[in-house]
Amino acid sequence: MPEISRFLGIVIYMYYRDHAPPHFHAEYGDYEITVEIERGVVTGKFPRRALSAVLEWYLEYKDELLENWRRAEKRQPLQKIEPLE
């Protein structure tokens, strides 16, 4: 599970052989969510502040996330994405 970003105790990652639609995973302690890149649909549970941080980061880096999804489909190395500032 390649890590693509880490901030505020949240780890963001993608799997190489994952299913459509394009999405990424986020972990925070014992919590885990999946976020669809194109629509922003969240599956799973996260504390409110951590979820807000992930969604803010997602909106800022949506294009980079889609590019990483394309890279993962081709089994190419994923690019690190800047953490939330």
N, C-alpha and C. Protein backbone atom coordinates (compact mmCIF):
# COMPACT_ATOMS: atom_id res chain seq x y z
N MET A 1 0.84 -1.17 0.00
CA MET A 1 0.00 0.00 0.00
C MET A 1 0.89 1.24 0.00
N PRO A 2 1.16 1.77 -1.16
CA PRO A 2 2.04 2.94 -1.26
C PRO A 2 1.45 4.19 -0.61
N GLU A 3 2.23 4.74 0.31
CA GLU A 3 1.83 5.99 0.97
C GLU A 3 2.14 7.14 0.02
N ILE A 4 1.15 8.03 -0.17
CA ILE A 4 1.39 9.17 -1.05
C ILE A 4 1.43 10.50 -0.30
N SER A 5 0.92 10.53 0.95
CA SER A 5 1.02 11.74 1.74
C SER A 5 0.77 11.41 3.21
N ARG A 6 1.22 12.31 4.08
CA ARG A 6 1.03 12.15 5.52
C ARG A 6 0.99 13.54 6.15
N PHE A 7 -0.05 13.79 6.95
CA PHE A 7 -0.18 15.07 7.65
C PHE A 7 -1.14 14.93 8.81
N LEU A 8 -0.88 15.65 9.88
CA LEU A 8 -1.75 15.70 11.06
C LEU A 8 -2.11 14.31 11.59
N GLY A 9 -1.19 13.36 11.46
CA GLY A 9 -1.45 11.99 11.90
C GLY A 9 -2.29 11.18 10.94
N ILE A 10 -2.59 11.73 9.76
CA ILE A 10 -3.39 11.05 8.73
C ILE A 10 -2.44 10.52 7.67
N VAL A 11 -2.66 9.28 7.26
CA VAL A 11 -1.86 8.67 6.20
C VAL A 11 -2.76 8.45 4.99
N ILE A 12 -2.30 8.92 3.83
CA ILE A 12 -3.04 8.78 2.57
C ILE A 12 -2.30 7.78 1.69
N TYR A 13 -3.04 6.84 1.12
CA TYR A 13 -2.39 5.84 0.27
C TYR A 13 -3.33 5.33 -0.82
N MET A 14 -2.74 4.64 -1.80
CA MET A 14 -3.47 3.98 -2.89
C MET A 14 -2.89 2.59 -3.06
N TYR A 15 -3.74 1.68 -3.51
CA TYR A 15 -3.31 0.34 -3.87
C TYR A 15 -3.08 0.27 -5.37
N TYR A 16 -2.14 -0.57 -5.80
CA TYR A 16 -1.89 -0.72 -7.23
C TYR A 16 -3.00 -1.49 -7.94
N ARG A 17 -3.52 -2.50 -7.36
CA ARG A 17 -4.52 -3.33 -8.03
C ARG A 17 -5.90 -3.11 -7.42
N ASP A 18 -6.30 -1.87 -7.30
CA ASP A 18 -7.57 -1.54 -6.67
C ASP A 18 -8.67 -1.44 -7.72
N HIS A 19 -9.89 -1.48 -7.26
CA HIS A 19 -11.08 -1.46 -8.11
C HIS A 19 -11.48 -0.03 -8.45
N ALA A 20 -12.24 0.11 -9.54
CA ALA A 20 -12.83 1.42 -9.89
C ALA A 20 -14.02 1.66 -8.98
N PRO A 21 -14.45 2.88 -8.82
CA PRO A 21 -13.97 4.12 -9.40
C PRO A 21 -12.67 4.58 -8.74
N PRO A 22 -11.95 5.51 -9.40
CA PRO A 22 -10.71 6.02 -8.81
C PRO A 22 -10.94 6.57 -7.40
N HIS A 23 -10.08 6.16 -6.47
CA HIS A 23 -10.25 6.58 -5.08
C HIS A 23 -8.92 6.47 -4.35
N PHE A 24 -8.90 7.03 -3.15
CA PHE A 24 -7.74 6.86 -2.28
C PHE A 24 -8.23 6.48 -0.89
N HIS A 25 -7.33 5.97 -0.09
CA HIS A 25 -7.62 5.55 1.27
C HIS A 25 -6.93 6.50 2.25
N ALA A 26 -7.55 6.70 3.39
CA ALA A 26 -6.95 7.51 4.45
C ALA A 26 -7.13 6.79 5.78
N GLU A 27 -6.10 6.81 6.60
CA GLU A 27 -6.15 6.22 7.95
C GLU A 27 -5.79 7.28 8.97
N TYR A 28 -6.48 7.22 10.09
CA TYR A 28 -6.20 8.10 11.22
C TYR A 28 -6.46 7.28 12.47
N GLY A 29 -5.40 6.83 13.12
CA GLY A 29 -5.57 5.94 14.27
C GLY A 29 -6.28 4.67 13.82
N ASP A 30 -7.38 4.34 14.49
CA ASP A 30 -8.15 3.15 14.15
C ASP A 30 -9.22 3.42 13.09
N TYR A 31 -9.29 4.64 12.60
CA TYR A 31 -10.31 5.02 11.60
C TYR A 31 -9.76 4.87 10.19
N GLU A 32 -10.65 4.54 9.26
CA GLU A 32 -10.26 4.44 7.86
C GLU A 32 -11.42 4.89 6.97
N ILE A 33 -11.07 5.65 5.93
CA ILE A 33 -12.06 6.07 4.94
C ILE A 33 -11.51 5.84 3.54
N THR A 34 -12.43 5.81 2.60
CA THR A 34 -12.11 5.79 1.17
C THR A 34 -12.80 7.00 0.57
N VAL A 35 -12.10 7.73 -0.29
CA VAL A 35 -12.66 8.93 -0.93
C VAL A 35 -12.58 8.76 -2.44
N GLU A 36 -13.73 8.82 -3.12
CA GLU A 36 -13.75 8.79 -4.58
C GLU A 36 -13.17 10.10 -5.10
N ILE A 37 -12.23 9.98 -6.01
CA ILE A 37 -11.51 11.17 -6.47
C ILE A 37 -12.39 12.07 -7.33
N GLU A 38 -13.17 11.51 -8.19
CA GLU A 38 -13.95 12.34 -9.11
C GLU A 38 -15.15 13.01 -8.46
N ARG A 39 -15.79 12.34 -7.49
CA ARG A 39 -17.01 12.89 -6.90
C ARG A 39 -16.87 13.30 -5.43
N GLY A 40 -15.80 12.89 -4.77
CA GLY A 40 -15.61 13.25 -3.38
C GLY A 40 -16.47 12.46 -2.40
N VAL A 41 -17.05 11.35 -2.84
CA VAL A 41 -17.88 10.52 -1.97
C VAL A 41 -16.99 9.81 -0.96
N VAL A 42 -17.36 9.91 0.31
CA VAL A 42 -16.58 9.31 1.40
C VAL A 42 -17.30 8.08 1.91
N THR A 43 -16.55 6.99 2.07
CA THR A 43 -17.05 5.76 2.67
C THR A 43 -16.21 5.47 3.90
N GLY A 44 -16.86 5.17 5.02
CA GLY A 44 -16.15 4.90 6.25
C GLY A 44 -16.38 6.01 7.25
N LYS A 45 -15.66 5.94 8.38
CA LYS A 45 -15.83 6.92 9.45
C LYS A 45 -14.49 7.51 9.85
N PHE A 46 -14.52 8.81 10.12
CA PHE A 46 -13.36 9.57 10.55
C PHE A 46 -13.85 10.61 11.56
N PRO A 47 -13.02 11.02 12.51
CA PRO A 47 -13.39 12.15 13.36
C PRO A 47 -13.60 13.39 12.47
N ARG A 48 -14.49 14.24 12.88
CA ARG A 48 -14.89 15.40 12.06
C ARG A 48 -13.71 16.26 11.62
N ARG A 49 -12.81 16.62 12.53
CA ARG A 49 -11.69 17.49 12.15
C ARG A 49 -10.74 16.80 11.19
N ALA A 50 -10.50 15.52 11.40
CA ALA A 50 -9.62 14.78 10.48
C ALA A 50 -10.28 14.67 9.11
N LEU A 51 -11.58 14.44 9.06
CA LEU A 51 -12.29 14.37 7.79
C LEU A 51 -12.22 15.70 7.06
N SER A 52 -12.42 16.79 7.78
CA SER A 52 -12.33 18.12 7.17
C SER A 52 -10.95 18.35 6.57
N ALA A 53 -9.90 17.92 7.27
CA ALA A 53 -8.54 18.09 6.77
C ALA A 53 -8.33 17.27 5.50
N VAL A 54 -8.80 16.03 5.48
CA VAL A 54 -8.65 15.18 4.29
C VAL A 54 -9.39 15.79 3.10
N LEU A 55 -10.60 16.26 3.32
CA LEU A 55 -11.38 16.83 2.22
C LEU A 55 -10.76 18.13 1.70
N GLU A 56 -10.20 18.95 2.59
CA GLU A 56 -9.51 20.16 2.16
C GLU A 56 -8.30 19.79 1.30
N TRP A 57 -7.53 18.81 1.76
CA TRP A 57 -6.36 18.34 1.02
C TRP A 57 -6.78 17.75 -0.33
N TYR A 58 -7.82 16.94 -0.33
CA TYR A 58 -8.33 16.32 -1.56
C TYR A 58 -8.70 17.39 -2.60
N LEU A 59 -9.40 18.42 -2.19
CA LEU A 59 -9.79 19.47 -3.14
C LEU A 59 -8.58 20.19 -3.73
N GLU A 60 -7.55 20.35 -2.93
CA GLU A 60 -6.34 21.03 -3.40
C GLU A 60 -5.53 20.17 -4.37
N TYR A 61 -5.57 18.86 -4.19
CA TYR A 61 -4.70 17.97 -4.96
C TYR A 61 -5.46 16.94 -5.80
N LYS A 62 -6.66 17.26 -6.20
CA LYS A 62 -7.49 16.32 -6.96
C LYS A 62 -6.80 15.89 -8.26
N ASP A 63 -6.20 16.81 -9.00
CA ASP A 63 -5.53 16.47 -10.25
C ASP A 63 -4.36 15.52 -10.02
N GLU A 64 -3.58 15.79 -8.98
CA GLU A 64 -2.45 14.91 -8.66
C GLU A 64 -2.93 13.52 -8.24
N LEU A 65 -4.05 13.46 -7.54
CA LEU A 65 -4.62 12.17 -7.15
C LEU A 65 -5.05 11.37 -8.37
N LEU A 66 -5.71 12.02 -9.32
CA LEU A 66 -6.11 11.33 -10.55
C LEU A 66 -4.89 10.84 -11.33
N GLU A 67 -3.85 11.64 -11.37
CA GLU A 67 -2.62 11.21 -12.05
C GLU A 67 -2.02 10.00 -11.35
N ASN A 68 -2.01 9.98 -10.03
CA ASN A 68 -1.49 8.82 -9.31
C ASN A 68 -2.35 7.59 -9.59
N TRP A 69 -3.66 7.77 -9.71
CA TRP A 69 -4.55 6.63 -10.01
C TRP A 69 -4.15 6.04 -11.38
N ARG A 70 -3.93 6.93 -12.36
CA ARG A 70 -3.52 6.46 -13.69
C ARG A 70 -2.17 5.73 -13.62
N ARG A 71 -1.27 6.26 -12.83
CA ARG A 71 0.03 5.61 -12.65
C ARG A 71 -0.14 4.24 -12.01
N ALA A 72 -1.00 4.14 -11.02
CA ALA A 72 -1.23 2.86 -10.33
C ALA A 72 -1.81 1.83 -11.30
N GLU A 73 -2.71 2.27 -12.18
CA GLU A 73 -3.28 1.35 -13.17
C GLU A 73 -2.21 0.77 -14.09
N LYS A 74 -1.16 1.56 -14.36
CA LYS A 74 -0.07 1.13 -15.23
C LYS A 74 1.07 0.48 -14.43
N ARG A 75 0.87 0.33 -13.12
CA ARG A 75 1.87 -0.24 -12.22
C ARG A 75 3.15 0.59 -12.20
N GLN A 76 3.00 1.92 -12.36
CA GLN A 76 4.14 2.82 -12.29
C GLN A 76 4.27 3.35 -10.86
N PRO A 77 5.46 3.78 -10.48
CA PRO A 77 5.62 4.33 -9.13
C PRO A 77 4.72 5.55 -8.92
N LEU A 78 4.14 5.64 -7.74
CA LEU A 78 3.26 6.76 -7.41
C LEU A 78 4.09 7.94 -6.94
N GLN A 79 3.59 9.13 -7.20
CA GLN A 79 4.27 10.36 -6.81
C GLN A 79 3.77 10.79 -5.43
N LYS A 80 4.68 11.25 -4.60
CA LYS A 80 4.30 11.83 -3.31
C LYS A 80 3.54 13.11 -3.57
N ILE A 81 2.55 13.40 -2.73
CA ILE A 81 1.77 14.63 -2.83
C ILE A 81 2.01 15.43 -1.56
N GLU A 82 2.17 16.72 -1.71
CA GLU A 82 2.44 17.61 -0.58
C GLU A 82 1.40 17.42 0.53
N PRO A 83 1.82 17.49 1.78
CA PRO A 83 0.87 17.41 2.89
C PRO A 83 0.06 18.71 3.01
N LEU A 84 -1.01 18.63 3.76
CA LEU A 84 -1.81 19.81 4.06
C LEU A 84 -0.98 20.74 4.93
N GLU A 85 -0.97 22.00 4.61
CA GLU A 85 -0.19 22.97 5.39
C GLU A 85 -1.02 23.59 6.48
